[in-house]
Amino acid sequence: MDCRQALTEAKGDLKKAKEWLKTRGAQIAAKKEDRKTKIGLVEAYIHSNGLVGALVKLGCETDFVAQTKEFKKLAHELAMQVVAMKPQNVKELTDQDYIRDPQKKIADLVKEVVAKTGENVKIKEIARLEFGEE
């Protein structure tokens, strides 16, 4: 329904419709920011060389959303981002450009999942371990 509305609002212009959807997603995410995120999952990513890995604690409102494909994919992408870009904290992570698409910030990825799932989603904690940093 949102896609139809976006195309109607943009009078058939796909570029404008995408912008409309992006704005709509941000508005939805903003409305849900105060909701508690007491459930979620911890995602681990270990790089293929086995010398560096990351843990990400990603929260949501219900166990139903925690088991969705979108939520699990976000957790995995965040863990890979932590390995690749070495953020020191959650704020630094959310401000980073996404490694797969530098046109997006990590905060944008989270907002996209909020818009898709209808629940608040928050990055709770991150940790990165690497051999050779001692």
Protein backbone atom coordinates (compact mmCIF):
# COMPACT_ATOMS: atom_id res chain seq x y z
CA MET A 1 0.00 0.00 0.00
CA ASP A 2 2.85 2.37 0.79
CA CYS A 3 4.35 1.75 -2.65
CA ARG A 4 1.06 2.58 -4.33
CA GLN A 5 0.69 5.72 -2.26
CA ALA A 6 4.29 6.73 -2.98
CA LEU A 7 3.76 6.38 -6.73
CA THR A 8 0.51 8.33 -6.51
CA GLU A 9 2.15 11.11 -4.50
CA ALA A 10 5.09 11.22 -6.93
CA LYS A 11 2.80 11.12 -9.99
CA GLY A 12 4.55 8.01 -11.30
CA ASP A 13 8.12 9.30 -10.86
CA LEU A 14 10.08 6.36 -9.40
CA LYS A 15 12.89 8.50 -8.03
CA LYS A 16 10.46 10.75 -6.15
CA ALA A 17 8.50 7.70 -4.97
CA LYS A 18 11.67 6.19 -3.45
CA GLU A 19 12.37 9.45 -1.63
CA TRP A 20 8.79 9.52 -0.36
CA LEU A 21 9.16 5.97 0.98
CA LYS A 22 12.46 6.84 2.64
CA THR A 23 10.89 9.86 4.34
CA ARG A 24 7.88 7.79 5.38
CA GLY A 25 10.16 5.15 6.92
CA ALA A 26 12.02 7.80 8.91
CA GLN A 27 8.72 9.18 10.21
CA ILE A 28 7.58 5.71 11.28
CA ALA A 29 10.91 5.07 13.03
CA ALA A 30 10.72 8.40 14.87
CA LYS A 31 7.28 7.55 16.27
CA LYS A 32 8.56 4.26 17.69
CA GLU A 33 11.82 5.48 19.27
CA ASP A 34 10.45 5.55 22.82
CA ARG A 35 9.16 1.99 22.82
CA LYS A 36 11.09 -0.50 24.97
CA THR A 37 13.25 -3.08 23.23
CA LYS A 38 13.49 -5.90 25.78
CA ILE A 39 13.90 -8.79 23.35
CA GLY A 40 16.13 -9.37 20.35
CA LEU A 41 19.21 -11.38 19.54
CA VAL A 42 22.96 -11.47 19.75
CA GLU A 43 24.68 -11.96 16.40
CA ALA A 44 28.28 -13.11 16.00
CA TYR A 45 30.42 -12.70 12.92
CA ILE A 46 33.90 -14.18 12.63
CA HIS A 47 35.92 -13.14 9.58
CA SER A 48 37.15 -16.00 7.38
CA ASN A 49 40.72 -15.77 8.67
CA GLY A 50 39.49 -16.42 12.21
CA LEU A 51 41.55 -13.56 13.62
CA VAL A 52 38.80 -10.97 14.00
CA GLY A 53 35.19 -11.16 15.10
CA ALA A 54 32.31 -9.11 16.42
CA LEU A 55 29.21 -9.44 18.57
CA VAL A 56 26.17 -7.24 18.16
CA LYS A 57 23.27 -7.09 20.62
CA LEU A 58 20.22 -5.93 18.64
CA GLY A 59 16.96 -5.23 20.43
CA CYS A 60 13.31 -5.17 19.35
CA GLU A 61 9.90 -5.26 21.02
CA THR A 62 8.78 -8.86 20.46
CA ASP A 63 10.27 -12.30 19.89
CA PHE A 64 8.19 -12.54 16.70
CA VAL A 65 10.17 -9.70 15.09
CA ALA A 66 13.46 -11.04 16.50
CA GLN A 67 12.91 -14.17 14.38
CA THR A 68 12.14 -12.37 11.10
CA LYS A 69 14.46 -12.56 8.12
CA GLU A 70 14.84 -8.74 8.04
CA PHE A 71 15.85 -8.51 11.70
CA LYS A 72 18.35 -11.38 11.47
CA LYS A 73 19.86 -9.92 8.29
CA LEU A 74 20.26 -6.52 9.96
CA ALA A 75 22.04 -8.12 12.92
CA HIS A 76 24.41 -9.97 10.59
CA GLU A 77 25.14 -6.88 8.49
CA LEU A 78 25.85 -4.87 11.65
CA ALA A 79 28.30 -7.50 12.93
CA MET A 80 30.14 -7.48 9.58
CA GLN A 81 30.21 -3.66 9.69
CA VAL A 82 31.79 -3.77 13.16
CA VAL A 83 34.51 -6.15 11.94
CA ALA A 84 35.25 -4.09 8.82
CA MET A 85 35.02 -0.53 10.13
CA LYS A 86 36.09 -0.86 13.80
CA PRO A 87 33.58 1.47 15.48
CA GLN A 88 34.32 2.07 19.16
CA ASN A 89 30.68 2.39 20.28
CA VAL A 90 27.09 2.25 19.06
CA LYS A 91 26.93 5.97 18.24
CA GLU A 92 30.02 5.75 16.07
CA LEU A 93 28.56 2.68 14.34
CA THR A 94 25.23 4.34 13.53
CA ASP A 95 27.01 7.36 12.04
CA GLN A 96 29.15 5.25 9.69
CA ASP A 97 28.52 4.75 5.97
CA TYR A 98 27.23 1.26 5.26
CA ILE A 99 30.02 -0.89 3.77
CA ARG A 100 27.77 -2.34 1.04
CA ASP A 101 26.24 1.01 0.03
CA PRO A 102 28.10 4.20 1.01
CA GLN A 103 24.99 6.21 0.07
CA LYS A 104 23.37 4.88 3.27
CA LYS A 105 24.28 5.30 6.90
CA ILE A 106 23.93 2.45 9.39
CA ALA A 107 21.16 4.46 11.06
CA ASP A 108 19.27 4.30 7.74
CA LEU A 109 19.47 0.49 7.73
CA VAL A 110 17.97 0.36 11.20
CA LYS A 111 15.17 2.75 10.19
CA GLU A 112 14.37 0.58 7.17
CA VAL A 113 13.88 -2.45 9.44
CA VAL A 114 11.73 -0.40 11.82
CA ALA A 115 9.52 0.60 8.87
CA LYS A 116 9.28 -3.01 7.62
CA THR A 117 8.62 -4.67 10.97
CA GLY A 118 6.54 -1.97 12.64
CA GLU A 119 8.56 -2.20 15.84
CA ASN A 120 11.29 -0.20 17.46
CA VAL A 121 14.76 -1.63 16.78
CA LYS A 122 17.88 -0.51 18.65
CA ILE A 123 21.51 -1.47 18.59
CA LYS A 124 22.16 -2.16 22.27
CA GLU A 125 25.86 -3.12 22.36
CA ILE A 126 28.77 -3.95 20.11
CA ALA A 127 32.08 -5.72 20.75
CA ARG A 128 35.01 -6.38 18.46
CA LEU A 129 37.93 -8.76 19.10
CA GLU A 130 41.05 -9.08 16.99
CA PHE A 131 44.40 -10.78 17.26
CA GLY A 132 47.34 -8.52 16.54
CA GLU A 133 45.94 -5.45 18.34
CA GLU A 134 47.82 -6.10 21.60
